Amino acid sequence: MDKLYNLNDLALISGFTTRTLRSDITAGTLDGEKVDGVWQFTAEQIDAYLEKPGIRRRATARQNALVYDFLADTHKSANGLCVVLDLPVAGEEVEEVQKFFCAEMCKAHQAQFYARWIHGLLRVTLSGAEEEIARMLSDYYGWKAAAK
């Protein structure tokens, strides 16, 4: 049986809030199945959703906003970093990497994160205080090396 993803998983994968995803379900833009009160989605349903032109535009705009906001802020009071990582990951690794960065964001105080799956590529955008982004990158590459 193929792995099924719930609404929270899809929020991690897409970068959209669960509220936005529920609105898309209601609008018929996102297909899934409600089992025992929990929405479930196959990988194929998620891919089809993220490939829709309107959804792709929204996802791209949301990710680009992190970079734009970083560049537009010319009155920073401390050093900052904005990093875009293009990670060629597949299958379970996508979820593992997204969960890694979500856990890192829980430790951060002055950082933002956005991840989006694009045709076999996980694009992760990190923006925030220099020391926090540097720590996240160091932790990620240490975690990745330990996983090999």
C-alpha atoms as a PDB file:
ATOM      1  CA  MET A   1       0.000   0.000   0.000  1.00  0.00           C
ATOM      2  CA  ASP A   2       1.246   3.477  -0.889  1.00  0.00           C
ATOM      3  CA  LYS A   3       2.073   5.878   1.908  1.00  0.00           C
ATOM      4  CA  LEU A   4      -0.721   8.295   2.772  1.00  0.00           C
ATOM      5  CA  TYR A   5      -0.106  11.830   3.977  1.00  0.00           C
ATOM      6  CA  ASN A   6      -2.345  13.793   6.344  1.00  0.00           C
ATOM      7  CA  LEU A   7      -3.143  17.499   6.292  1.00  0.00           C
ATOM      8  CA  ASN A   8      -0.190  18.388   8.535  1.00  0.00           C
ATOM      9  CA  ASP A   9       2.176  16.414   6.300  1.00  0.00           C
ATOM     10  CA  LEU A  10       0.818  18.245   3.267  1.00  0.00           C
ATOM     11  CA  ALA A  11       1.293  21.576   5.045  1.00  0.00           C
ATOM     12  CA  LEU A  12       4.973  20.680   5.570  1.00  0.00           C
ATOM     13  CA  ILE A  13       5.359  19.581   1.954  1.00  0.00           C
ATOM     14  CA  SER A  14       3.552  22.526   0.366  1.00  0.00           C
ATOM     15  CA  GLY A  15       4.340  25.357   2.746  1.00  0.00           C
ATOM     16  CA  PHE A  16       0.645  26.275   2.900  1.00  0.00           C
ATOM     17  CA  THR A  17      -1.279  26.462   6.138  1.00  0.00           C
ATOM     18  CA  THR A  18      -3.780  23.745   6.981  1.00  0.00           C
ATOM     19  CA  ARG A  19      -6.477  26.406   6.725  1.00  0.00           C
ATOM     20  CA  THR A  20      -5.466  27.177   3.135  1.00  0.00           C
ATOM     21  CA  LEU A  21      -5.402  23.470   2.329  1.00  0.00           C
ATOM     22  CA  ARG A  22      -8.881  22.986   3.788  1.00  0.00           C
ATOM     23  CA  SER A  23     -10.124  25.878   1.650  1.00  0.00           C
ATOM     24  CA  ASP A  24      -8.608  24.224  -1.417  1.00  0.00           C
ATOM     25  CA  ILE A  25     -10.343  20.943  -0.517  1.00  0.00           C
ATOM     26  CA  THR A  26     -13.668  22.782  -0.215  1.00  0.00           C
ATOM     27  CA  ALA A  27     -13.054  24.539  -3.540  1.00  0.00           C
ATOM     28  CA  GLY A  28     -12.275  21.213  -5.213  1.00  0.00           C
ATOM     29  CA  THR A  29      -8.705  22.221  -6.010  1.00  0.00           C
ATOM     30  CA  LEU A  30      -7.210  19.556  -3.734  1.00  0.00           C
ATOM     31  CA  ASP A  31      -8.352  15.947  -3.899  1.00  0.00           C
ATOM     32  CA  GLY A  32      -8.099  13.633  -0.921  1.00  0.00           C
ATOM     33  CA  GLU A  33     -10.092  11.208   1.142  1.00  0.00           C
ATOM     34  CA  LYS A  34     -11.436  11.717   4.628  1.00  0.00           C
ATOM     35  CA  VAL A  35     -10.995   8.540   6.692  1.00  0.00           C
ATOM     36  CA  ASP A  36     -12.201   8.480  10.292  1.00  0.00           C
ATOM     37  CA  GLY A  37     -12.316  12.287  10.311  1.00  0.00           C
ATOM     38  CA  VAL A  38      -8.747  12.704   8.998  1.00  0.00           C
ATOM     39  CA  TRP A  39      -7.907  13.921   5.512  1.00  0.00           C
ATOM     40  CA  GLN A  40      -5.479  11.626   3.688  1.00  0.00           C
ATOM     41  CA  PHE A  41      -3.642  12.191   0.430  1.00  0.00           C
ATOM     42  CA  THR A  42      -1.570   9.993  -1.860  1.00  0.00           C
ATOM     43  CA  ALA A  43       1.719  11.205  -3.329  1.00  0.00           C
ATOM     44  CA  GLU A  44      -0.001  11.352  -6.722  1.00  0.00           C
ATOM     45  CA  GLN A  45      -2.760  13.617  -5.358  1.00  0.00           C
ATOM     46  CA  ILE A  46      -0.156  15.899  -3.784  1.00  0.00           C
ATOM     47  CA  ASP A  47       1.865  16.088  -7.008  1.00  0.00           C
ATOM     48  CA  ALA A  48      -1.279  16.852  -9.031  1.00  0.00           C
ATOM     49  CA  TYR A  49      -2.241  19.597  -6.564  1.00  0.00           C
ATOM     50  CA  LEU A  50       1.190  21.237  -6.585  1.00  0.00           C
ATOM     51  CA  GLU A  51       1.366  21.118 -10.391  1.00  0.00           C
ATOM     52  CA  LYS A  52      -1.812  23.152 -10.909  1.00  0.00           C
ATOM     53  CA  PRO A  53      -0.780  26.530 -12.355  1.00  0.00           C
ATOM     54  CA  GLY A  54      -2.612  28.611  -9.736  1.00  0.00           C
ATOM     55  CA  ILE A  55      -1.213  26.564  -6.875  1.00  0.00           C
ATOM     56  CA  ARG A  56       2.300  26.622  -8.309  1.00  0.00           C
ATOM     57  CA  ARG A  57       2.090  30.435  -8.619  1.00  0.00           C
ATOM     58  CA  ARG A  58       0.927  30.783  -4.993  1.00  0.00           C
ATOM     59  CA  ALA A  59       3.676  28.473  -3.740  1.00  0.00           C
ATOM     60  CA  THR A  60       6.334  30.284  -5.752  1.00  0.00           C
ATOM     61  CA  ALA A  61       5.097  33.697  -4.595  1.00  0.00           C
ATOM     62  CA  ARG A  62       5.162  32.593  -0.983  1.00  0.00           C
ATOM     63  CA  GLN A  63       8.709  31.293  -1.230  1.00  0.00           C
ATOM     64  CA  ASN A  64       9.925  34.301  -3.201  1.00  0.00           C
ATOM     65  CA  ALA A  65       8.411  36.636  -0.594  1.00  0.00           C
ATOM     66  CA  LEU A  66      10.997  35.476   1.951  1.00  0.00           C
ATOM     67  CA  VAL A  67      13.815  36.473  -0.385  1.00  0.00           C
ATOM     68  CA  TYR A  68      12.130  39.718  -1.447  1.00  0.00           C
ATOM     69  CA  ASP A  69      11.383  40.757   2.143  1.00  0.00           C
ATOM     70  CA  PHE A  70      14.995  40.051   3.095  1.00  0.00           C
ATOM     71  CA  LEU A  71      16.303  42.179   0.227  1.00  0.00           C
ATOM     72  CA  ALA A  72      13.778  44.963   0.801  1.00  0.00           C
ATOM     73  CA  ASP A  73      14.728  45.394   4.466  1.00  0.00           C
ATOM     74  CA  THR A  74      17.563  47.917   4.235  1.00  0.00           C
ATOM     75  CA  HIS A  75      17.379  48.893   7.911  1.00  0.00           C
ATOM     76  CA  LYS A  76      18.600  45.695   9.572  1.00  0.00           C
ATOM     77  CA  SER A  77      19.935  46.135  13.091  1.00  0.00           C
ATOM     78  CA  ALA A  78      21.991  42.906  12.946  1.00  0.00           C
ATOM     79  CA  ASN A  79      23.627  40.690  10.351  1.00  0.00           C
ATOM     80  CA  GLY A  80      21.222  38.497   8.437  1.00  0.00           C
ATOM     81  CA  LEU A  81      21.333  35.635   5.967  1.00  0.00           C
ATOM     82  CA  CYS A  82      18.942  34.462   3.297  1.00  0.00           C
ATOM     83  CA  VAL A  83      19.769  31.074   1.778  1.00  0.00           C
ATOM     84  CA  VAL A  84      18.064  29.043  -0.914  1.00  0.00           C
ATOM     85  CA  LEU A  85      18.975  25.350  -0.957  1.00  0.00           C
ATOM     86  CA  ASP A  86      18.030  23.152  -3.912  1.00  0.00           C
ATOM     87  CA  LEU A  87      18.156  19.603  -2.583  1.00  0.00           C
ATOM     88  CA  PRO A  88      17.671  16.693  -5.017  1.00  0.00           C
ATOM     89  CA  VAL A  89      15.874  14.340  -2.642  1.00  0.00           C
ATOM     90  CA  ALA A  90      13.182  11.741  -3.229  1.00  0.00           C
ATOM     91  CA  GLY A  91      10.628   9.634  -1.399  1.00  0.00           C
ATOM     92  CA  GLU A  92      10.887   9.463   2.374  1.00  0.00           C
ATOM     93  CA  GLU A  93      13.911  11.779   2.341  1.00  0.00           C
ATOM     94  CA  VAL A  94      11.707  14.742   1.353  1.00  0.00           C
ATOM     95  CA  GLU A  95       9.652  14.368   4.518  1.00  0.00           C
ATOM     96  CA  GLU A  96      12.747  13.761   6.669  1.00  0.00           C
ATOM     97  CA  VAL A  97      14.460  16.929   5.409  1.00  0.00           C
ATOM     98  CA  GLN A  98      11.314  19.021   5.862  1.00  0.00           C
ATOM     99  CA  LYS A  99      10.819  17.681   9.388  1.00  0.00           C
ATOM    100  CA  PHE A 100      14.487  18.430  10.133  1.00  0.00           C
ATOM    101  CA  PHE A 101      14.092  22.081   9.141  1.00  0.00           C
ATOM    102  CA  CYS A 102      10.768  22.372  10.958  1.00  0.00           C
ATOM    103  CA  ALA A 103      12.446  21.119  14.140  1.00  0.00           C
ATOM    104  CA  GLU A 104      15.272  23.606  13.589  1.00  0.00           C
ATOM    105  CA  MET A 105      12.750  26.426  13.233  1.00  0.00           C
ATOM    106  CA  CYS A 106      11.321  25.525  16.645  1.00  0.00           C
ATOM    107  CA  LYS A 107      14.756  26.365  18.098  1.00  0.00           C
ATOM    108  CA  ALA A 108      15.036  29.625  16.148  1.00  0.00           C
ATOM    109  CA  HIS A 109      13.846  33.002  17.380  1.00  0.00           C
ATOM    110  CA  GLN A 110      14.619  35.214  14.401  1.00  0.00           C
ATOM    111  CA  ALA A 111      14.282  33.044  11.326  1.00  0.00           C
ATOM    112  CA  GLN A 112      11.779  32.026   8.683  1.00  0.00           C
ATOM    113  CA  PHE A 113      11.604  28.847   6.660  1.00  0.00           C
ATOM    114  CA  TYR A 114       9.800  27.739   3.538  1.00  0.00           C
ATOM    115  CA  ALA A 115      10.142  24.487   1.613  1.00  0.00           C
ATOM    116  CA  ARG A 116       8.577  23.423  -1.646  1.00  0.00           C
ATOM    117  CA  TRP A 117       8.794  20.207  -3.624  1.00  0.00           C
ATOM    118  CA  ILE A 118       9.415  20.820  -7.348  1.00  0.00           C
ATOM    119  CA  HIS A 119       9.848  17.811  -9.666  1.00  0.00           C
ATOM    120  CA  GLY A 120      12.323  15.804  -7.589  1.00  0.00           C
ATOM    121  CA  LEU A 121      13.856  18.881  -6.026  1.00  0.00           C
ATOM    122  CA  LEU A 122      13.188  20.200  -2.552  1.00  0.00           C
ATOM    123  CA  ARG A 123      13.750  23.964  -2.528  1.00  0.00           C
ATOM    124  CA  VAL A 124      14.331  25.213   1.008  1.00  0.00           C
ATOM    125  CA  THR A 125      14.511  28.935   1.742  1.00  0.00           C
ATOM    126  CA  LEU A 126      15.883  30.111   5.087  1.00  0.00           C
ATOM    127  CA  SER A 127      15.930  33.731   6.139  1.00  0.00           C
ATOM    128  CA  GLY A 128      16.838  35.383   9.408  1.00  0.00           C
ATOM    129  CA  ALA A 129      19.542  36.193  11.921  1.00  0.00           C
ATOM    130  CA  GLU A 130      23.008  35.245  10.702  1.00  0.00           C
ATOM    131  CA  GLU A 131      23.875  33.044  13.684  1.00  0.00           C
ATOM    132  CA  GLU A 132      20.590  31.110  13.516  1.00  0.00           C
ATOM    133  CA  ILE A 133      20.763  30.414   9.786  1.00  0.00           C
ATOM    134  CA  ALA A 134      24.441  29.461  10.060  1.00  0.00           C
ATOM    135  CA  ARG A 135      23.602  27.077  12.943  1.00  0.00           C
ATOM    136  CA  MET A 136      20.771  25.500  10.926  1.00  0.00           C
ATOM    137  CA  LEU A 137      23.026  24.952   7.917  1.00  0.00           C
ATOM    138  CA  SER A 138      25.765  23.480  10.105  1.00  0.00           C
ATOM    139  CA  ASP A 139      23.259  21.197  11.841  1.00  0.00           C
ATOM    140  CA  TYR A 140      21.757  20.151   8.496  1.00  0.00           C
ATOM    141  CA  TYR A 141      25.071  19.188   6.925  1.00  0.00           C
ATOM    142  CA  GLY A 142      26.115  17.398  10.139  1.00  0.00           C
ATOM    143  CA  TRP A 143      22.787  15.531  10.188  1.00  0.00           C
ATOM    144  CA  LYS A 144      23.085  14.686   6.505  1.00  0.00           C
ATOM    145  CA  ALA A 145      26.650  13.359   6.948  1.00  0.00           C
ATOM    146  CA  ALA A 146      25.590  11.246   9.945  1.00  0.00           C
ATOM    147  CA  ALA A 147      22.683   9.783   7.944  1.00  0.00           C
ATOM    148  CA  LYS A 148      25.041   8.415   5.265  1.00  0.00           C
END
